[in-house]
Protein backbone atom coordinates (compact mmCIF):
# COMPACT_ATOMS: atom_id res chain seq x y z
CA UNK A 1 -21.57 4.97 -32.27
CA UNK A 2 -24.00 2.97 -30.09
CA UNK A 3 -22.75 0.90 -27.20
CA UNK A 4 -22.36 -2.79 -28.02
CA UNK A 5 -24.04 -5.35 -25.78
CA UNK A 6 -22.03 -8.30 -27.13
CA UNK A 7 -19.70 -10.04 -24.65
CA UNK A 8 -16.74 -7.75 -23.96
CA UNK A 9 -14.17 -10.42 -24.82
CA UNK A 10 -15.71 -10.63 -28.32
CA UNK A 11 -16.05 -6.88 -28.86
CA UNK A 12 -13.29 -5.65 -31.20
CA UNK A 13 -13.56 -2.12 -29.84
CA UNK A 14 -13.07 -3.30 -26.25
CA UNK A 15 -10.16 -5.47 -27.37
CA UNK A 16 -8.54 -2.42 -28.96
CA UNK A 17 -8.81 -0.55 -25.66
CA UNK A 18 -7.42 -3.58 -23.83
CA UNK A 19 -4.47 -3.82 -26.23
CA UNK A 20 -3.66 -0.14 -25.74
CA UNK A 21 -3.99 -0.51 -21.98
CA UNK A 22 -1.76 -3.62 -21.90
CA UNK A 23 0.95 -1.96 -23.98
CA UNK A 24 0.82 1.06 -21.68
CA UNK A 25 1.06 -0.94 -18.44
CA UNK A 26 3.90 -3.07 -19.84
CA UNK A 27 5.66 0.13 -20.89
CA UNK A 28 5.23 1.46 -17.34
CA UNK A 29 6.90 -1.65 -15.91
CA UNK A 30 9.82 -1.47 -18.37
CA UNK A 31 10.24 2.30 -17.79
CA UNK A 32 10.25 1.91 -14.01
CA UNK A 33 12.89 -0.82 -14.09
CA UNK A 34 15.00 1.11 -16.61
CA UNK A 35 14.81 4.22 -14.43
CA UNK A 36 15.78 2.29 -11.30
CA UNK A 37 18.63 0.55 -13.14
CA UNK A 38 19.98 3.84 -14.50
CA UNK A 39 19.77 5.46 -11.06
CA UNK A 40 21.67 2.54 -9.53
CA UNK A 41 24.42 2.75 -12.16
CA UNK A 42 24.79 6.53 -11.86
CA UNK A 43 24.34 7.22 -8.16
CA UNK A 44 24.26 3.86 -6.43
CA UNK A 45 21.45 2.21 -4.44
CA UNK A 46 21.03 5.24 -2.18
CA UNK A 47 19.87 7.33 -5.15
CA UNK A 48 17.20 4.90 -6.35
CA UNK A 49 14.82 5.93 -3.58
CA UNK A 50 15.21 9.60 -4.47
CA UNK A 51 14.44 8.99 -8.14
CA UNK A 52 11.46 6.70 -7.45
CA UNK A 53 10.02 9.14 -4.90
CA UNK A 54 10.39 11.96 -7.44
CA UNK A 55 8.05 10.05 -9.76
CA UNK A 56 5.55 9.02 -7.08
CA UNK A 57 5.12 12.47 -5.54
CA UNK A 58 3.63 14.38 -8.52
CA UNK A 59 1.45 11.42 -9.44
CA UNK A 60 -0.09 11.39 -5.97
CA UNK A 61 -0.39 15.18 -5.68
CA UNK A 62 -1.82 15.75 -9.18
CA UNK A 63 -4.03 12.67 -9.49
CA UNK A 64 -7.24 14.46 -8.48
CA UNK A 65 -6.46 17.27 -10.93
CA UNK A 66 -6.00 14.62 -13.62
CA UNK A 67 -9.58 13.53 -13.06
CA UNK A 68 -10.76 17.10 -13.58
CA UNK A 69 -8.83 17.31 -16.85
CA UNK A 70 -10.36 14.02 -18.07
CA UNK A 71 -13.90 15.20 -17.32
CA UNK A 72 -13.35 18.65 -18.82
CA UNK A 73 -11.57 17.80 -22.07
CA UNK A 74 -12.97 14.29 -22.81
CA UNK A 75 -11.10 11.25 -21.60
CA UNK A 76 -9.93 9.78 -24.89
CA UNK A 77 -8.48 13.08 -26.04
CA UNK A 78 -6.67 13.45 -22.72
CA UNK A 79 -5.44 9.84 -22.82
CA UNK A 80 -4.12 10.27 -26.38
CA UNK A 81 -2.31 13.55 -25.66
CA UNK A 82 -0.77 12.33 -22.40
CA UNK A 83 0.26 9.02 -24.00
CA UNK A 84 1.98 10.97 -26.79
CA UNK A 85 3.84 13.10 -24.24
CA UNK A 86 4.98 10.01 -22.32
CA UNK A 87 6.23 8.44 -25.54
CA UNK A 88 8.14 11.56 -26.57
CA UNK A 89 9.70 12.06 -23.12
CA UNK A 90 10.93 8.48 -22.78
CA UNK A 91 12.33 8.32 -26.32
CA UNK A 92 14.12 11.62 -25.68
CA UNK A 93 15.60 10.16 -22.49
CA UNK A 94 16.78 7.10 -24.45
CA UNK A 95 18.56 9.41 -26.91
CA UNK A 96 20.10 11.40 -24.06
CA UNK A 97 21.39 8.25 -22.38
CA UNK A 98 23.00 7.14 -25.65
CA UNK A 99 24.65 10.54 -26.11
CA UNK A 100 26.09 10.82 -22.59
CA UNK A 101 25.90 9.24 -19.16
CA UNK A 102 22.83 10.72 -17.40
CA UNK A 103 23.11 12.49 -14.08
CA UNK A 104 20.92 11.69 -11.09
CA UNK A 105 19.22 15.07 -11.47
CA UNK A 106 18.31 14.32 -15.08
CA UNK A 107 16.67 11.09 -13.93
CA UNK A 108 14.86 12.99 -11.16
CA UNK A 109 13.57 15.49 -13.73
CA UNK A 110 12.38 12.67 -15.99
CA UNK A 111 10.63 10.98 -13.07
CA UNK A 112 8.90 14.25 -12.11
CA UNK A 113 7.64 14.88 -15.66
CA UNK A 114 6.55 11.29 -16.18
CA UNK A 115 4.77 11.19 -12.81
CA UNK A 116 2.88 14.40 -13.61
CA UNK A 117 1.77 13.14 -17.02
CA UNK A 118 0.84 9.76 -15.54
CA UNK A 119 -1.46 11.55 -13.10
CA UNK A 120 -3.45 12.78 -16.11
CA UNK A 121 -3.22 9.61 -18.23
CA UNK A 122 -4.36 7.10 -15.61
CA UNK A 123 -7.81 8.57 -14.82
CA UNK A 124 -8.44 9.27 -18.53
CA UNK A 125 -7.71 5.76 -19.82
CA UNK A 126 -9.46 4.20 -16.83
CA UNK A 127 -12.82 5.87 -17.50
CA UNK A 128 -13.11 4.74 -21.13
CA UNK A 129 -14.86 1.35 -20.57
CA UNK A 130 -18.34 2.83 -19.89
CA UNK A 131 -17.94 4.76 -23.17
CA UNK A 132 -17.10 1.71 -25.29
CA UNK A 133 -19.38 -1.04 -23.98
CA UNK A 134 -22.79 -1.58 -22.40
CA UNK A 135 -23.16 -1.28 -18.59
CA UNK A 136 -23.81 -4.99 -18.12
CA UNK A 137 -20.38 -5.74 -19.65
CA UNK A 138 -18.38 -3.59 -17.24
CA UNK A 139 -17.59 -6.44 -14.83
CA UNK A 140 -16.16 -8.43 -17.72
CA UNK A 141 -14.07 -5.46 -18.83
CA UNK A 142 -12.72 -5.07 -15.31
CA UNK A 143 -11.85 -8.77 -15.31
CA UNK A 144 -10.04 -8.35 -18.64
CA UNK A 145 -8.23 -5.35 -17.20
CA UNK A 146 -7.10 -7.50 -14.26
CA UNK A 147 -5.74 -10.11 -16.67
CA UNK A 148 -3.96 -7.36 -18.58
CA UNK A 149 -2.25 -6.11 -15.43
CA UNK A 150 -1.14 -9.62 -14.45
CA UNK A 151 0.22 -10.27 -17.94
CA UNK A 152 2.06 -6.96 -18.00
CA UNK A 153 3.56 -7.54 -14.56
CA UNK A 154 4.78 -10.97 -15.69
CA UNK A 155 6.10 -10.01 -19.13
CA UNK A 156 7.40 -6.52 -18.31
CA UNK A 157 10.23 -7.52 -15.93
CA UNK A 158 11.37 -10.32 -18.25
CA UNK A 159 11.40 -7.95 -21.22
CA UNK A 160 13.18 -5.21 -19.26
CA UNK A 161 15.77 -7.62 -17.92
CA UNK A 162 16.57 -8.99 -21.36
CA UNK A 163 16.87 -5.55 -22.94
CA UNK A 164 18.96 -4.19 -20.07
CA UNK A 165 21.45 -7.02 -20.61
CA UNK A 166 21.66 -6.36 -24.35
CA UNK A 167 21.22 -2.60 -24.69
CA UNK A 168 21.50 -1.18 -21.20
CA UNK A 169 19.26 1.60 -19.87
CA UNK A 170 19.07 3.29 -23.28
CA UNK A 171 17.68 0.12 -24.85
CA UNK A 172 15.14 -0.33 -22.07
CA UNK A 173 13.97 3.28 -22.33
CA UNK A 174 13.62 2.80 -26.10
CA UNK A 175 11.49 -0.32 -25.64
CA UNK A 176 9.29 1.53 -23.12
CA UNK A 177 8.87 4.40 -25.60
CA UNK A 178 7.92 1.98 -28.38
CA UNK A 179 5.32 0.35 -26.13
CA UNK A 180 3.84 3.77 -25.36
CA UNK A 181 3.79 4.46 -29.12
CA UNK A 182 1.89 1.19 -29.72
CA UNK A 183 -0.55 2.16 -26.98
CA UNK A 184 -1.06 5.56 -28.61
CA UNK A 185 -1.65 4.19 -32.11
CA UNK A 186 -4.16 1.57 -30.94
CA UNK A 187 -5.91 4.06 -28.66
CA UNK A 188 -6.56 6.27 -31.69
CA UNK A 189 -8.61 3.44 -33.23
CA UNK A 190 -10.94 3.05 -30.23
CA UNK A 191 -14.42 4.34 -31.02
CA UNK A 192 -16.30 6.30 -28.35
CA UNK A 193 -20.07 6.55 -27.99
CA UNK A 194 -20.92 10.14 -28.90
CA UNK A 195 -23.83 10.41 -26.48
CA UNK A 196 -21.53 9.80 -23.51
CA UNK A 197 -18.95 12.36 -24.58
CA UNK A 198 -20.55 15.39 -22.96
CA UNK A 199 -18.00 17.83 -21.59
CA UNK A 200 -18.49 19.16 -18.08
CA UNK A 201 -19.50 22.78 -17.66
CA UNK A 202 -16.43 25.03 -17.67
CA UNK A 203 -15.46 26.37 -14.28
CA UNK A 204 -12.22 26.79 -12.38
CA UNK A 205 -10.21 23.65 -11.77
CA UNK A 206 -10.60 23.96 -8.02
CA UNK A 207 -14.36 24.35 -8.33
CA UNK A 208 -14.68 21.33 -10.59
CA UNK A 209 -12.51 19.32 -8.23
CA UNK A 210 -14.65 20.43 -5.29
CA UNK A 211 -17.80 19.49 -7.20
CA UNK A 212 -16.40 16.03 -7.82
CA UNK A 213 -15.45 15.49 -4.19
CA UNK A 214 -18.88 16.70 -3.03
CA UNK A 215 -20.51 14.36 -5.55
CA UNK A 216 -18.68 11.41 -4.00
CA UNK A 217 -19.36 12.53 -0.42
CA UNK A 218 -23.11 13.00 -0.99
CA UNK A 219 -23.67 9.85 -3.02
CA UNK A 220 -25.21 7.18 -0.81
CA UNK A 221 -23.37 4.34 -2.52
CA UNK A 222 -20.16 5.90 -3.85
CA UNK A 223 -19.09 7.42 -0.52
CA UNK A 224 -18.93 4.10 1.36
CA UNK A 225 -17.70 2.28 -1.76
CA UNK A 226 -14.69 4.60 -2.08
CA UNK A 227 -13.96 4.00 1.61
CA UNK A 228 -14.11 0.23 1.05
CA UNK A 229 -11.72 0.54 -1.91
CA UNK A 230 -9.28 2.61 0.12
CA UNK A 231 -9.28 0.12 3.00
CA UNK A 232 -9.13 -2.98 0.80
CA UNK A 233 -6.23 -1.65 -1.30
CA UNK A 234 -4.28 -0.05 1.54
CA UNK A 235 -2.12 -3.11 2.16
CA UNK A 236 -2.32 -4.86 -1.17
CA UNK A 237 -1.01 -2.08 -3.44
CA UNK A 238 2.57 -2.57 -2.30
CA UNK A 239 3.09 -3.04 1.45
CA UNK A 240 2.21 -6.75 1.35
CA UNK A 241 4.99 -7.34 -1.20
CA UNK A 242 7.47 -5.85 1.27
CA UNK A 243 5.87 -7.89 4.04
CA UNK A 244 6.38 -11.07 2.01
CA UNK A 245 10.09 -10.36 1.71
CA UNK A 246 10.38 -9.87 5.47
CA UNK A 247 8.20 -12.92 6.21
CA UNK A 248 10.32 -15.16 3.98
CA UNK A 249 13.49 -13.84 5.63
CA UNK A 250 12.07 -14.32 9.11
CA UNK A 251 11.01 -17.93 8.43
CA UNK A 252 14.15 -18.87 6.52
CA UNK A 253 12.33 -19.57 3.23
CA UNK A 254 14.76 -17.44 1.25
CA UNK A 255 14.18 -15.52 -1.96
CA UNK A 256 12.79 -18.57 -3.75
CA UNK A 257 10.17 -19.06 -1.04
CA UNK A 258 9.12 -15.44 -1.30
CA UNK A 259 8.89 -15.89 -5.07
CA UNK A 260 6.62 -18.92 -4.71
CA UNK A 261 4.19 -17.06 -2.45
CA UNK A 262 4.18 -13.96 -4.70
CA UNK A 263 3.62 -16.15 -7.77
CA UNK A 264 0.74 -17.94 -6.06
CA UNK A 265 -0.82 -14.54 -5.30
CA UNK A 266 -0.55 -13.56 -8.98
CA UNK A 267 -2.00 -16.89 -10.16
CA UNK A 268 -4.95 -16.50 -7.78
CA UNK A 269 -5.61 -12.94 -8.94
CA UNK A 270 -5.39 -14.00 -12.59
CA UNK A 271 -7.84 -16.86 -11.94
CA UNK A 272 -10.32 -14.41 -10.40
CA UNK A 273 -9.97 -12.04 -13.36
CA UNK A 274 -10.44 -14.87 -15.87
CA UNK A 275 -13.50 -16.23 -14.07
CA UNK A 276 -15.15 -12.80 -13.96
CA UNK A 277 -14.25 -12.17 -17.61
CA UNK A 278 -16.21 -15.19 -18.84
CA UNK A 279 -19.04 -15.02 -16.28
CA UNK A 280 -22.24 -13.64 -17.79
CA UNK A 281 -23.24 -11.96 -14.53
CA UNK A 282 -22.11 -11.45 -10.94
CA UNK A 283 -25.17 -12.02 -8.73
CA UNK A 284 -25.40 -10.03 -5.49
CA UNK A 285 -22.33 -7.99 -6.32
CA UNK A 286 -22.33 -6.14 -2.99
CA UNK A 287 -22.44 -9.32 -0.94
CA UNK A 288 -19.86 -10.95 -3.24
CA UNK A 289 -17.51 -8.03 -2.63
CA UNK A 290 -17.90 -8.23 1.16
CA UNK A 291 -17.57 -12.03 1.15
CA UNK A 292 -14.36 -11.76 -0.87
CA UNK A 293 -13.03 -9.20 1.64
CA UNK A 294 -13.76 -11.62 4.48
CA UNK A 295 -11.79 -14.26 2.61
CA UNK A 296 -8.90 -11.85 2.11
CA UNK A 297 -8.93 -10.96 5.81
CA UNK A 298 -8.78 -14.62 6.82
CA UNK A 299 -6.08 -15.39 4.25
CA UNK A 300 -3.87 -12.47 5.27
CA UNK A 301 -4.04 -13.29 8.98
CA UNK A 302 -3.39 -16.99 8.26
CA UNK A 303 -0.43 -16.21 5.97
CA UNK A 304 1.40 -14.52 8.84
CA UNK A 305 1.02 -17.69 10.92
CA UNK A 306 1.72 -20.20 8.12
CA UNK A 307 3.81 -23.02 9.64
CA UNK A 308 5.43 -24.02 6.33
CA UNK A 309 6.15 -22.71 2.85
CA UNK A 310 3.51 -24.89 1.10
CA UNK A 311 0.88 -23.58 3.50
CA UNK A 312 2.00 -20.00 2.84
CA UNK A 313 1.76 -20.62 -0.91
CA UNK A 314 -1.81 -21.87 -0.45
CA UNK A 315 -2.80 -18.78 1.52
CA UNK A 316 -1.05 -16.55 -1.04
CA UNK A 317 -3.22 -18.05 -3.78
CA UNK A 318 -6.34 -17.54 -1.65
CA UNK A 319 -5.49 -13.87 -1.05
CA UNK A 320 -4.87 -13.33 -4.76
CA UNK A 321 -8.19 -14.96 -5.67
CA UNK A 322 -10.31 -13.04 -3.17
CA UNK A 323 -8.58 -9.68 -3.60
CA UNK A 324 -8.92 -10.13 -7.38
CA UNK A 325 -12.68 -10.54 -6.97
CA UNK A 326 -12.86 -7.43 -4.81
CA UNK A 327 -10.87 -5.27 -7.23
CA UNK A 328 -12.98 -6.32 -10.22
CA UNK A 329 -16.35 -5.92 -8.52
CA UNK A 330 -15.55 -2.55 -6.93
CA UNK A 331 -14.21 -1.23 -10.23
CA UNK A 332 -17.34 -2.29 -12.06
CA UNK A 333 -19.61 -0.81 -9.38
CA UNK A 334 -17.77 2.53 -9.57
CA UNK A 335 -18.24 2.71 -13.34
CA UNK A 336 -21.87 1.54 -13.17
CA UNK A 337 -22.99 3.96 -10.46
CA UNK A 338 -21.08 7.13 -11.39
CA UNK A 339 -22.62 9.82 -13.56
CA UNK A 340 -20.47 10.07 -16.71
CA UNK A 341 -19.89 13.78 -16.06
CA UNK A 342 -17.98 12.93 -12.87
CA UNK A 343 -16.37 9.62 -13.84
CA UNK A 344 -12.87 11.04 -14.34
CA UNK A 345 -12.86 12.72 -10.95
CA UNK A 346 -14.32 9.69 -9.16
CA UNK A 347 -11.76 7.43 -10.86
CA UNK A 348 -8.96 9.74 -9.79
CA UNK A 349 -10.19 9.52 -6.18
CA UNK A 350 -10.22 5.72 -6.23
CA UNK A 351 -6.83 5.61 -7.98
CA UNK A 352 -5.41 7.92 -5.33
CA UNK A 353 -6.83 5.63 -2.65
CA UNK A 354 -5.14 2.69 -4.37
CA UNK A 355 -1.74 4.26 -5.10
CA UNK A 356 -1.54 7.20 -2.73
CA UNK A 357 -2.03 5.42 0.59
CA UNK A 358 0.47 2.63 -0.02
CA UNK A 359 3.70 4.71 0.07
CA UNK A 360 2.75 6.06 3.49
CA UNK A 361 2.59 2.50 4.82
CA UNK A 362 5.97 1.28 3.56
CA UNK A 363 7.85 2.58 6.63
CA UNK A 364 5.19 1.02 8.87
CA UNK A 365 5.92 -2.43 7.40
CA UNK A 366 9.54 -2.48 8.46
CA UNK A 367 8.86 -0.98 11.90
CA UNK A 368 6.02 -3.43 12.62
CA UNK A 369 7.96 -6.50 11.53
CA UNK A 370 11.11 -5.48 13.41
CA UNK A 371 9.22 -4.80 16.66
CA UNK A 372 6.53 -7.49 16.68
CA UNK A 373 7.18 -9.86 13.78
CA UNK A 374 5.68 -10.51 10.35
CA UNK A 375 2.67 -12.32 11.81
CA UNK A 376 1.52 -9.09 13.49
CA UNK A 377 1.87 -7.14 10.24
CA UNK A 378 -0.26 -9.63 8.30
CA UNK A 379 -2.76 -9.78 11.14
CA UNK A 380 -3.04 -5.99 10.82
CA UNK A 381 -3.67 -6.32 7.08
CA UNK A 382 -6.37 -8.86 7.84
CA UNK A 383 -7.96 -6.50 10.36
CA UNK A 384 -8.05 -3.68 7.80
CA UNK A 385 -9.75 -5.97 5.26
CA UNK A 386 -12.17 -7.11 7.95
CA UNK A 387 -13.05 -3.47 8.60
CA UNK A 388 -13.68 -2.98 4.86
CA UNK A 389 -15.95 -6.04 4.80
CA UNK A 390 -17.86 -4.79 7.84
CA UNK A 391 -18.39 -1.43 6.15
CA UNK A 392 -19.67 -3.13 3.00
CA UNK A 393 -22.12 -5.24 4.99
CA UNK A 394 -23.32 -2.39 7.22
CA UNK A 395 -24.35 -0.02 4.41
CA UNK A 396 -27.67 -1.27 2.99
CA UNK A 397 -27.23 0.21 -0.50
CA UNK A 398 -23.76 -1.27 -0.78
CA UNK A 399 -24.84 -4.63 0.61
CA UNK A 400 -27.69 -4.82 -1.93
CA UNK A 401 -25.69 -3.45 -4.86
CA UNK A 402 -26.13 -5.20 -8.21
CA UNK A 403 -24.18 -4.87 -11.44
CA UNK A 404 -26.95 -3.93 -13.82
CA UNK A 405 -27.62 -0.83 -15.89
CA UNK A 406 -29.65 1.84 -14.06
CA UNK A 407 -33.17 2.39 -15.39
CA UNK A 408 -32.80 6.15 -15.34
CA UNK A 409 -30.35 8.82 -14.36
CA UNK A 410 -30.79 10.02 -10.81
CA UNK A 411 -29.09 12.84 -8.96
CA UNK A 412 -26.27 12.42 -6.52
CA UNK A 413 -27.35 11.42 -3.07
CA UNK A 414 -30.08 9.10 -4.28
């Protein structure tokens, strides 16, 4: 198969991948809510944290190893196998819940297994776009991926809530398993370009992981780009959501006010994803990324000082828009610049930066808000984004980065 240069949103093969990805992300949302609900019913609110942490820990610890597996055994094969395991595990849990009331330790075991498999699945499915479309379409694919995530995060909770009311945790686990099955079936139909399916040279897992980390460290663009991603996602992969709850409580806006700001954030992010999906090209991608980070920094600092709910909603939409631009552009740059032999490992590094740093900051949110107020927390988020923007502007290769296919393969450290 040769890579198609037609617009990604008109490419049937890309749309198959997107459908599989959307079903998977929606299944993740339903599974997570079903797991939390079951833990609450069995052990009470105090046990929910234990179960959720049990799932987050192996995913964070094994994520880099998942990138090695994707590079060694071909990403689609790894994605298919891990998706099948997730489907089987969740459907088995649904059957177990129907047969008898689950214990907290059963839920912990399920969370551990699912987290470990997720650590393999996420890098594998994330590195498929360069293997199914032309390099100049990668920004569009990242925009479509952003829309998929927003849709899944909107539909997933509604679906989970409805099923939990009707069929309880067993019904919700069943729906999650069916969504994983849909993802698996559609993923099997995605065609991969044979010339990009080279398998990395066999070596020990630790050596391959070390090679991948050295590749990132020595690459003149990827090293600072990964740092920018880590800084830009540090607050916005979870801590800001907690900060919004505390901000709304502090200002007396209530749960509905928090919901309005969070919804505005989602609408802004979806608008950015849609705009980048239909745009034929992103000129001056490096400068666009840094400019968007400056906007996010200003929006975050201003949100903490918003004098009224309507103003906070406006700043929430601004943050969603600018952070959506950043996420799409950085994702496309990663997939454009990375040698296909290392793409799984590089993706696992960026995914770890996105998901692995956030849990460490959750305790900081509460401490900061209780000691100094929500405005200080959001000012800190703005300062972190400002640091990311400064890094993007200070590195010449990153500042001049463009989203266009490279003319020839060059070694790391170019």
